[in-house]
Each structure stands twice: as structure tokens, then as C-alpha cells.
Amino acid sequence: MPLTLDASVVVAWALQDERSDAAESLLLNVRKQGGVSPGLLWFEIRNALIVAERRGRILAADTDRFLEDLEKLAIEIDSRCDSRNTLRLARIHNLAAYDASYLEVAIRRQFPLATIDQKLAQAAKAEGVNVVSG
């Protein structure tokens, strides 16, 4: 079954100091079964990586290489955002709207949510979504 991926998990694949066996396991799962995310995933990843470059955590060449490899994965961009449900989720779980968008996709598509974000994971569990952590 595909996973709903949030940016925290994907960025962990790129940054040496955030890698873990669990994150690598999720990457293998995505290679085999694919993933799905709202379109903002690409912007969040790029922003996190550019900030990491500025802080000396990753080289620009490594960012470029990672993004090239990432584009080869079967990650579907889900553009069918249910705005009302996204706002509802943000309000009741005190989430940022962009974090709520990952949860909205997971709920609507009925896929597990892969995240390292503890607040998002708690909200997902409260909504009955299976959470896998990186």
C-alpha cells in the first residue's frame, strides 16, 4: 500500500544527521509501493534543503543529486485538496494548514501517514489514521 508522505520523512532521507533505519525502511517501501502527497511537498522539501545548505548540513551538489533521485520515485501529487476538511483538521488539532493537508490526503486516500512530526502523528492517530514514523 502506498504511504502518504510528509516532508519531514523525505528530508530525513537527504540529511545524513537525520537518517535512521526507520527512515530508510520507509524509503524502501516507497520504492516498492509508491507514495502520495499534496503538491506543497516539493516546496517544503526544497525549502528545508536550502536552509540545510545555509547551515552547512548538506552541500548544494548533494541537494541537486537528492532531488534528481527523488523525482525518480513513484510519488503521486494529489491535487484534490478538500479545503473544508483541511481547515477543520487544522483547527481541531492546532496544526498548520500545510501539515493538515498531509493528514487530509491520508484520510481521503485511506493510506498510512509517514511522518516524523510528533504533533502531526498525534493528530493522525486521533483521526484513526495509521502512522508510520521515520
C-alpha atoms as a PDB file:
ATOM      1  CA  MET A   1       0.000   0.000   0.000  1.00  0.00           C
ATOM      2  CA  PRO A   2       1.335   3.481  -0.830  1.00  0.00           C
ATOM      3  CA  LEU A   3       2.169   5.847   2.005  1.00  0.00           C
ATOM      4  CA  THR A   4       1.114   9.443   2.445  1.00  0.00           C
ATOM      5  CA  LEU A   5       4.467  11.196   2.819  1.00  0.00           C
ATOM      6  CA  ASP A   6       5.069  14.396   4.689  1.00  0.00           C
ATOM      7  CA  ALA A   7       8.160  16.495   4.132  1.00  0.00           C
ATOM      8  CA  SER A   8       9.791  15.556   7.448  1.00  0.00           C
ATOM      9  CA  VAL A   9      10.275  11.973   6.305  1.00  0.00           C
ATOM     10  CA  VAL A  10      11.519  12.875   2.831  1.00  0.00           C
ATOM     11  CA  VAL A  11      14.005  15.418   4.165  1.00  0.00           C
ATOM     12  CA  ALA A  12      15.353  12.784   6.571  1.00  0.00           C
ATOM     13  CA  TRP A  13      16.342  10.749   3.513  1.00  0.00           C
ATOM     14  CA  ALA A  14      18.559  13.611   2.347  1.00  0.00           C
ATOM     15  CA  LEU A  15      20.255  14.735   5.547  1.00  0.00           C
ATOM     16  CA  GLN A  16      22.952  12.493   6.963  1.00  0.00           C
ATOM     17  CA  ASP A  17      22.287  13.579  10.544  1.00  0.00           C
ATOM     18  CA  GLU A  18      18.576  12.731  10.287  1.00  0.00           C
ATOM     19  CA  ARG A  19      18.875   9.322   8.659  1.00  0.00           C
ATOM     20  CA  SER A  20      17.672   6.303  10.577  1.00  0.00           C
ATOM     21  CA  ASP A  21      16.900   2.674   9.905  1.00  0.00           C
ATOM     22  CA  ALA A  22      13.192   3.518  10.135  1.00  0.00           C
ATOM     23  CA  ALA A  23      13.510   6.308   7.555  1.00  0.00           C
ATOM     24  CA  GLU A  24      15.448   4.020   5.226  1.00  0.00           C
ATOM     25  CA  SER A  25      12.747   1.369   5.627  1.00  0.00           C
ATOM     26  CA  LEU A  26      10.123   3.921   4.570  1.00  0.00           C
ATOM     27  CA  LEU A  27      12.217   4.812   1.527  1.00  0.00           C
ATOM     28  CA  LEU A  28      12.333   1.139   0.523  1.00  0.00           C
ATOM     29  CA  ASN A  29       8.564   0.946   0.964  1.00  0.00           C
ATOM     30  CA  VAL A  30       8.072   3.965  -1.317  1.00  0.00           C
ATOM     31  CA  ARG A  31      10.397   2.456  -3.922  1.00  0.00           C
ATOM     32  CA  LYS A  32       8.251  -0.694  -3.944  1.00  0.00           C
ATOM     33  CA  GLN A  33       4.744   0.643  -3.412  1.00  0.00           C
ATOM     34  CA  GLY A  34       4.841   4.377  -4.105  1.00  0.00           C
ATOM     35  CA  GLY A  35       3.660   7.349  -2.153  1.00  0.00           C
ATOM     36  CA  VAL A  36       1.245  10.237  -2.321  1.00  0.00           C
ATOM     37  CA  SER A  37       1.436  13.820  -1.041  1.00  0.00           C
ATOM     38  CA  PRO A  38      -0.132  17.208  -1.585  1.00  0.00           C
ATOM     39  CA  GLY A  39       1.715  19.465  -4.028  1.00  0.00           C
ATOM     40  CA  LEU A  40       3.297  21.534  -1.299  1.00  0.00           C
ATOM     41  CA  LEU A  41       5.624  18.594  -0.584  1.00  0.00           C
ATOM     42  CA  TRP A  42       8.013  19.754  -3.304  1.00  0.00           C
ATOM     43  CA  PHE A  43       8.203  23.287  -1.894  1.00  0.00           C
ATOM     44  CA  GLU A  44       8.676  22.132   1.693  1.00  0.00           C
ATOM     45  CA  ILE A  45      11.466  19.759   0.696  1.00  0.00           C
ATOM     46  CA  ARG A  46      13.282  22.389  -1.320  1.00  0.00           C
ATOM     47  CA  ASN A  47      12.927  24.950   1.461  1.00  0.00           C
ATOM     48  CA  ALA A  48      14.237  22.533   4.104  1.00  0.00           C
ATOM     49  CA  LEU A  49      17.188  21.607   1.901  1.00  0.00           C
ATOM     50  CA  ILE A  50      18.126  25.197   1.081  1.00  0.00           C
ATOM     51  CA  VAL A  51      18.036  26.031   4.804  1.00  0.00           C
ATOM     52  CA  ALA A  52      20.187  22.949   5.474  1.00  0.00           C
ATOM     53  CA  GLU A  53      22.664  24.149   2.841  1.00  0.00           C
ATOM     54  CA  ARG A  54      22.889  27.557   4.515  1.00  0.00           C
ATOM     55  CA  ARG A  55      23.598  25.843   7.842  1.00  0.00           C
ATOM     56  CA  GLY A  56      26.290  23.617   6.333  1.00  0.00           C
ATOM     57  CA  ARG A  57      24.337  20.388   6.814  1.00  0.00           C
ATOM     58  CA  ILE A  58      24.320  19.474   3.109  1.00  0.00           C
ATOM     59  CA  LEU A  59      26.214  20.593   0.003  1.00  0.00           C
ATOM     60  CA  ALA A  60      24.380  22.132  -2.942  1.00  0.00           C
ATOM     61  CA  ALA A  61      25.588  19.309  -5.192  1.00  0.00           C
ATOM     62  CA  ASP A  62      24.138  16.758  -2.770  1.00  0.00           C
ATOM     63  CA  THR A  63      20.811  18.631  -2.731  1.00  0.00           C
ATOM     64  CA  ASP A  64      20.725  18.566  -6.533  1.00  0.00           C
ATOM     65  CA  ARG A  65      21.568  14.864  -6.644  1.00  0.00           C
ATOM     66  CA  PHE A  66      18.952  14.043  -3.988  1.00  0.00           C
ATOM     67  CA  LEU A  67      16.232  15.941  -5.866  1.00  0.00           C
ATOM     68  CA  GLU A  68      17.105  14.140  -9.104  1.00  0.00           C
ATOM     69  CA  ASP A  69      16.830  10.781  -7.325  1.00  0.00           C
ATOM     70  CA  LEU A  70      13.622  11.834  -5.598  1.00  0.00           C
ATOM     71  CA  GLU A  71      11.955  12.657  -8.900  1.00  0.00           C
ATOM     72  CA  LYS A  72      12.516   9.049  -9.973  1.00  0.00           C
ATOM     73  CA  LEU A  73      10.360   7.731  -7.131  1.00  0.00           C
ATOM     74  CA  ALA A  74       6.695   6.991  -7.705  1.00  0.00           C
ATOM     75  CA  ILE A  75       5.341   9.813  -5.558  1.00  0.00           C
ATOM     76  CA  GLU A  76       1.941  10.919  -6.767  1.00  0.00           C
ATOM     77  CA  ILE A  77       0.975  14.528  -6.216  1.00  0.00           C
ATOM     78  CA  ASP A  78      -2.622  14.676  -5.040  1.00  0.00           C
ATOM     79  CA  SER A  79      -4.105  17.992  -6.111  1.00  0.00           C
ATOM     80  CA  ARG A  80      -7.640  17.261  -4.907  1.00  0.00           C
ATOM     81  CA  CYS A  81      -7.465  19.132  -1.628  1.00  0.00           C
ATOM     82  CA  ASP A  82     -10.635  19.164   0.432  1.00  0.00           C
ATOM     83  CA  SER A  83     -10.255  22.698   1.730  1.00  0.00           C
ATOM     84  CA  ARG A  84     -13.008  22.465   4.324  1.00  0.00           C
ATOM     85  CA  ASN A  85     -11.659  19.270   5.833  1.00  0.00           C
ATOM     86  CA  THR A  86      -8.106  20.638   5.788  1.00  0.00           C
ATOM     87  CA  LEU A  87      -9.228  23.693   7.739  1.00  0.00           C
ATOM     88  CA  ARG A  88     -11.278  21.544  10.114  1.00  0.00           C
ATOM     89  CA  LEU A  89      -8.250  19.357  10.816  1.00  0.00           C
ATOM     90  CA  ALA A  90      -6.014  22.393  11.338  1.00  0.00           C
ATOM     91  CA  ARG A  91      -8.487  23.919  13.761  1.00  0.00           C
ATOM     92  CA  ILE A  92      -9.286  20.914  15.912  1.00  0.00           C
ATOM     93  CA  HIS A  93      -5.707  19.604  16.109  1.00  0.00           C
ATOM     94  CA  ASN A  94      -3.991  23.008  16.251  1.00  0.00           C
ATOM     95  CA  LEU A  95      -1.970  22.219  13.115  1.00  0.00           C
ATOM     96  CA  ALA A  96      -0.567  24.494  10.451  1.00  0.00           C
ATOM     97  CA  ALA A  97      -2.740  24.310   7.346  1.00  0.00           C
ATOM     98  CA  TYR A  98       0.103  22.733   5.379  1.00  0.00           C
ATOM     99  CA  ASP A  99       0.510  19.963   7.965  1.00  0.00           C
ATOM    100  CA  ALA A 100      -3.254  19.433   7.955  1.00  0.00           C
ATOM    101  CA  SER A 101      -3.088  18.994   4.172  1.00  0.00           C
ATOM    102  CA  TYR A 102      -0.940  15.860   4.585  1.00  0.00           C
ATOM    103  CA  LEU A 103      -3.450  14.490   7.065  1.00  0.00           C
ATOM    104  CA  GLU A 104      -6.352  15.347   4.762  1.00  0.00           C
ATOM    105  CA  VAL A 105      -4.751  13.347   1.936  1.00  0.00           C
ATOM    106  CA  ALA A 106      -4.100  10.375   4.239  1.00  0.00           C
ATOM    107  CA  ILE A 107      -7.705  10.368   5.427  1.00  0.00           C
ATOM    108  CA  ARG A 108      -9.249  10.798   1.982  1.00  0.00           C
ATOM    109  CA  ARG A 109      -6.993   8.246   0.287  1.00  0.00           C
ATOM    110  CA  GLN A 110      -7.068   5.868   3.273  1.00  0.00           C
ATOM    111  CA  PHE A 111      -3.289   5.439   3.252  1.00  0.00           C
ATOM    112  CA  PRO A 112      -0.975   5.366   6.276  1.00  0.00           C
ATOM    113  CA  LEU A 113       0.803   8.635   7.050  1.00  0.00           C
ATOM    114  CA  ALA A 114       4.610   8.617   7.166  1.00  0.00           C
ATOM    115  CA  THR A 115       5.872  11.453   9.353  1.00  0.00           C
ATOM    116  CA  ILE A 116       8.493  12.348  11.916  1.00  0.00           C
ATOM    117  CA  ASP A 117       6.404  15.303  13.122  1.00  0.00           C
ATOM    118  CA  GLN A 118       5.013  14.251  16.519  1.00  0.00           C
ATOM    119  CA  LYS A 119       2.166  16.760  16.544  1.00  0.00           C
ATOM    120  CA  LEU A 120       1.014  15.622  13.104  1.00  0.00           C
ATOM    121  CA  ALA A 121       1.350  11.986  14.154  1.00  0.00           C
ATOM    122  CA  GLN A 122      -0.833  12.609  17.225  1.00  0.00           C
ATOM    123  CA  ALA A 123      -3.482  14.305  15.093  1.00  0.00           C
ATOM    124  CA  ALA A 124      -3.415  11.438  12.598  1.00  0.00           C
ATOM    125  CA  LYS A 125      -3.855   8.857  15.339  1.00  0.00           C
ATOM    126  CA  ALA A 126      -6.762  10.861  16.773  1.00  0.00           C
ATOM    127  CA  GLU A 127      -8.354  10.722  13.308  1.00  0.00           C
ATOM    128  CA  GLY A 128      -7.871   6.961  13.106  1.00  0.00           C
ATOM    129  CA  VAL A 129      -5.040   7.144  10.539  1.00  0.00           C
ATOM    130  CA  ASN A 130      -2.271   4.561  10.783  1.00  0.00           C
ATOM    131  CA  VAL A 131       1.049   6.355  11.357  1.00  0.00           C
ATOM    132  CA  VAL A 132       4.469   5.089  10.387  1.00  0.00           C
ATOM    133  CA  SER A 133       7.441   7.024  11.705  1.00  0.00           C
ATOM    134  CA  GLY A 134      10.789   7.606  10.135  1.00  0.00           C
END
